Amino acid sequence: MQAHERKLFEQAMVPHIDAAFNLARWLTQDAHAAEDVVQESYLRAARYFHSFHGGDGRPWLLGIVRRTAFDWLGKYRSEAIASYNDETHDRGDDSMNPASLAIREDEQQSVRSALEDLPPQLREAIVLRELEGLSYQEIATVAQVPIGTVMSRISRGRRQLQQRLAGSSQEKLP
């Protein structure tokens, strides 16, 4: 890659590294695997940067991350996958008392578990829409499916999340 092309690559792709990691983490369900997927994705993106036609690089890059993650899943699907455990971040308000922290952590774990239980295609659509803020058209580009399929996956994913979370809260009632 020449210096000018490398500079264009860095400007177009590096700002999206967090989104790339987030998608890879949710698809692989393993933070270490996600790091490998992102690294491989950036190598592929650099190799094929000549096929990028400008504009917003995030959908183009996330399409590569998606394919790389599914390649990884195909190769390592039978191995045990470590669960993801976020650290609780300081919000700078009264929500840091132990009771609030316990409730928030329990709620976060319920949502995380419900999301992780979704089939990969539904989980992918929900993560790209709700966590990454992509439009339906951008998700269609990333997933290489028609926009109607994206809308259907998001609808089914939301419905299944709602059912799982409602079931989770019913289990906790005395």
Protein backbone atom coordinates (compact mmCIF):
# COMPACT_ATOMS: atom_id res chain seq x y z
CA MET A 1 0.00 0.00 0.00
CA GLN A 2 1.44 3.37 -0.98
CA ALA A 3 1.65 6.23 1.53
CA HIS A 4 -1.28 8.15 -0.01
CA GLU A 5 -3.47 5.05 -0.11
CA ARG A 6 -2.47 4.14 3.47
CA LYS A 7 -3.50 7.62 4.65
CA LEU A 8 -6.89 7.29 2.91
CA PHE A 9 -7.33 3.84 4.45
CA GLU A 10 -6.56 5.14 7.93
CA GLN A 11 -8.97 8.06 7.54
CA ALA A 12 -11.78 5.86 6.24
CA MET A 13 -11.36 2.74 8.40
CA VAL A 14 -9.62 3.46 11.71
CA PRO A 15 -12.48 5.56 13.16
CA HIS A 16 -14.69 2.46 12.98
CA ILE A 17 -12.52 0.10 15.01
CA ASP A 18 -14.85 0.21 18.03
CA ALA A 19 -17.87 -0.66 15.87
CA ALA A 20 -15.86 -3.46 14.25
CA PHE A 21 -14.91 -4.90 17.63
CA ASN A 22 -18.46 -4.57 18.96
CA LEU A 23 -19.93 -6.48 16.01
CA ALA A 24 -17.21 -9.13 16.14
CA ARG A 25 -17.67 -9.57 19.89
CA TRP A 26 -21.40 -10.05 19.58
CA LEU A 27 -21.08 -12.47 16.66
CA THR A 28 -18.30 -14.61 18.13
CA GLN A 29 -19.41 -14.17 21.75
CA ASP A 30 -15.74 -14.11 22.72
CA ALA A 31 -13.69 -10.94 23.30
CA HIS A 32 -10.37 -12.59 22.41
CA ALA A 33 -11.79 -14.07 19.22
CA ALA A 34 -13.27 -10.66 18.40
CA GLU A 35 -9.81 -9.11 18.60
CA ASP A 36 -8.52 -11.73 16.14
CA VAL A 37 -11.51 -11.19 13.86
CA VAL A 38 -11.00 -7.42 13.86
CA GLN A 39 -7.31 -7.80 13.13
CA GLU A 40 -8.00 -10.17 10.25
CA SER A 41 -10.77 -7.87 9.02
CA TYR A 42 -8.47 -4.87 8.90
CA LEU A 43 -5.89 -6.92 7.01
CA ARG A 44 -8.55 -7.93 4.50
CA ALA A 45 -9.81 -4.34 4.28
CA ALA A 46 -6.28 -3.11 3.56
CA ARG A 47 -5.76 -5.83 0.96
CA TYR A 48 -9.00 -4.95 -0.86
CA PHE A 49 -9.10 -1.22 -0.17
CA HIS A 50 -8.87 -0.57 -3.89
CA SER A 51 -12.46 -1.89 -4.18
CA PHE A 52 -13.78 0.68 -1.66
CA HIS A 53 -15.54 3.42 -3.62
CA GLY A 54 -15.50 6.14 -0.99
CA GLY A 55 -18.29 7.43 1.22
CA ASP A 56 -18.94 6.08 4.70
CA GLY A 57 -16.45 3.30 5.34
CA ARG A 58 -18.35 1.81 8.29
CA PRO A 59 -20.82 -0.36 6.30
CA TRP A 60 -18.04 -1.56 4.00
CA LEU A 61 -15.77 -2.43 6.93
CA LEU A 62 -18.56 -4.05 8.97
CA GLY A 63 -19.38 -6.23 5.97
CA ILE A 64 -15.81 -7.50 6.07
CA VAL A 65 -16.00 -7.98 9.86
CA ARG A 66 -19.24 -9.92 9.43
CA ARG A 67 -17.76 -12.28 6.83
CA THR A 68 -14.60 -12.75 8.88
CA ALA A 69 -16.61 -13.46 12.04
CA PHE A 70 -18.76 -16.04 10.27
CA ASP A 71 -15.60 -17.63 8.84
CA TRP A 72 -14.26 -17.81 12.40
CA LEU A 73 -17.54 -19.28 13.67
CA GLY A 74 -17.47 -21.92 10.96
CA LYS A 75 -13.96 -22.90 11.97
CA TYR A 76 -14.32 -22.76 15.78
CA ARG A 77 -18.06 -23.20 16.40
CA SER A 78 -17.63 -26.48 18.27
CA GLU A 79 -15.20 -24.99 20.79
CA ALA A 80 -16.48 -23.55 24.05
CA ILE A 81 -17.10 -19.81 23.83
CA ALA A 82 -16.32 -17.60 26.79
CA SER A 83 -19.11 -15.37 28.00
CA TYR A 84 -18.70 -11.63 27.88
CA ASN A 85 -18.65 -9.74 31.19
CA ASP A 86 -18.71 -5.92 31.00
CA GLU A 87 -17.15 -3.91 33.79
CA THR A 88 -19.56 -1.52 35.42
CA HIS A 89 -18.60 2.08 34.61
CA ASP A 90 -18.87 5.01 36.93
CA ARG A 91 -21.78 7.22 35.91
CA GLY A 92 -20.80 10.02 38.28
CA ASP A 93 -24.16 10.06 40.08
CA ASP A 94 -25.91 8.28 42.96
CA SER A 95 -26.26 5.10 40.90
CA MET A 96 -22.97 3.82 42.36
CA ASN A 97 -24.47 2.58 45.62
CA PRO A 98 -24.28 -1.22 46.03
CA ALA A 99 -28.02 -1.83 45.63
CA SER A 100 -28.23 0.18 42.41
CA LEU A 101 -25.13 -1.50 41.07
CA ALA A 102 -26.52 -4.95 41.81
CA ILE A 103 -29.85 -4.17 40.13
CA ARG A 104 -28.18 -2.61 37.08
CA GLU A 105 -25.73 -5.50 36.74
CA ASP A 106 -28.60 -7.99 36.96
CA GLU A 107 -30.55 -6.10 34.28
CA GLN A 108 -27.49 -5.84 32.02
CA GLN A 109 -26.79 -9.54 32.43
CA SER A 110 -30.40 -10.39 31.54
CA VAL A 111 -30.25 -8.32 28.37
CA ARG A 112 -26.80 -9.69 27.46
CA SER A 113 -27.96 -13.26 27.99
CA ALA A 114 -31.14 -12.72 26.00
CA LEU A 115 -29.17 -11.15 23.15
CA GLU A 116 -26.55 -13.90 23.18
CA ASP A 117 -29.32 -16.52 22.99
CA LEU A 118 -30.65 -15.10 19.72
CA PRO A 119 -29.71 -16.88 16.49
CA PRO A 120 -26.64 -15.23 14.90
CA GLN A 121 -28.54 -13.52 12.06
CA LEU A 122 -31.07 -11.96 14.44
CA ARG A 123 -28.36 -11.01 16.95
CA GLU A 124 -26.35 -9.41 14.14
CA ALA A 125 -29.31 -7.31 12.96
CA ILE A 126 -30.14 -6.16 16.50
CA VAL A 127 -26.51 -5.28 17.31
CA LEU A 128 -26.06 -3.34 14.08
CA ARG A 129 -29.33 -1.43 14.52
CA GLU A 130 -29.61 -0.90 18.27
CA LEU A 131 -25.99 -0.81 19.40
CA GLU A 132 -24.22 0.52 16.30
CA GLY A 133 -27.06 2.74 15.03
CA LEU A 134 -26.86 1.64 11.41
CA SER A 135 -29.78 2.34 9.10
CA TYR A 136 -31.75 -0.52 7.56
CA GLN A 137 -30.02 0.16 4.24
CA GLU A 138 -26.57 0.07 5.86
CA ILE A 139 -27.42 -3.21 7.60
CA ALA A 140 -28.62 -4.63 4.26
CA THR A 141 -25.28 -3.65 2.76
CA VAL A 142 -23.29 -5.17 5.62
CA ALA A 143 -25.28 -8.42 5.70
CA GLN A 144 -25.69 -8.60 1.92
CA VAL A 145 -29.42 -9.24 2.18
CA PRO A 146 -32.49 -7.31 0.95
CA ILE A 147 -33.77 -4.51 3.16
CA GLY A 148 -36.99 -6.46 3.75
CA THR A 149 -34.95 -9.29 5.26
CA VAL A 150 -33.22 -6.79 7.55
CA MET A 151 -36.58 -5.42 8.70
CA SER A 152 -37.88 -8.93 9.30
CA ARG A 153 -34.78 -9.97 11.25
CA ILE A 154 -34.94 -6.87 13.43
CA SER A 155 -38.64 -7.41 14.09
CA ARG A 156 -38.19 -11.08 14.95
CA GLY A 157 -35.10 -10.31 17.03
CA ARG A 158 -36.90 -7.64 19.04
CA ARG A 159 -39.88 -9.94 19.57
CA GLN A 160 -37.65 -12.80 20.74
CA LEU A 161 -35.70 -10.46 23.02
CA GLN A 162 -38.94 -9.19 24.51
CA GLN A 163 -40.17 -12.75 25.10
CA ARG A 164 -36.87 -13.83 26.67
CA LEU A 165 -36.73 -10.77 28.91
CA ALA A 166 -40.38 -11.15 29.93
CA GLY A 167 -39.70 -14.80 30.76
CA SER A 168 -36.59 -13.81 32.70
CA SER A 169 -38.49 -11.30 34.80
CA GLN A 170 -41.31 -13.80 35.46
CA GLU A 171 -38.76 -16.28 36.82
CA LYS A 172 -37.56 -13.70 39.38
CA LEU A 173 -40.98 -12.98 40.85
CA PRO A 174 -41.60 -14.58 44.29
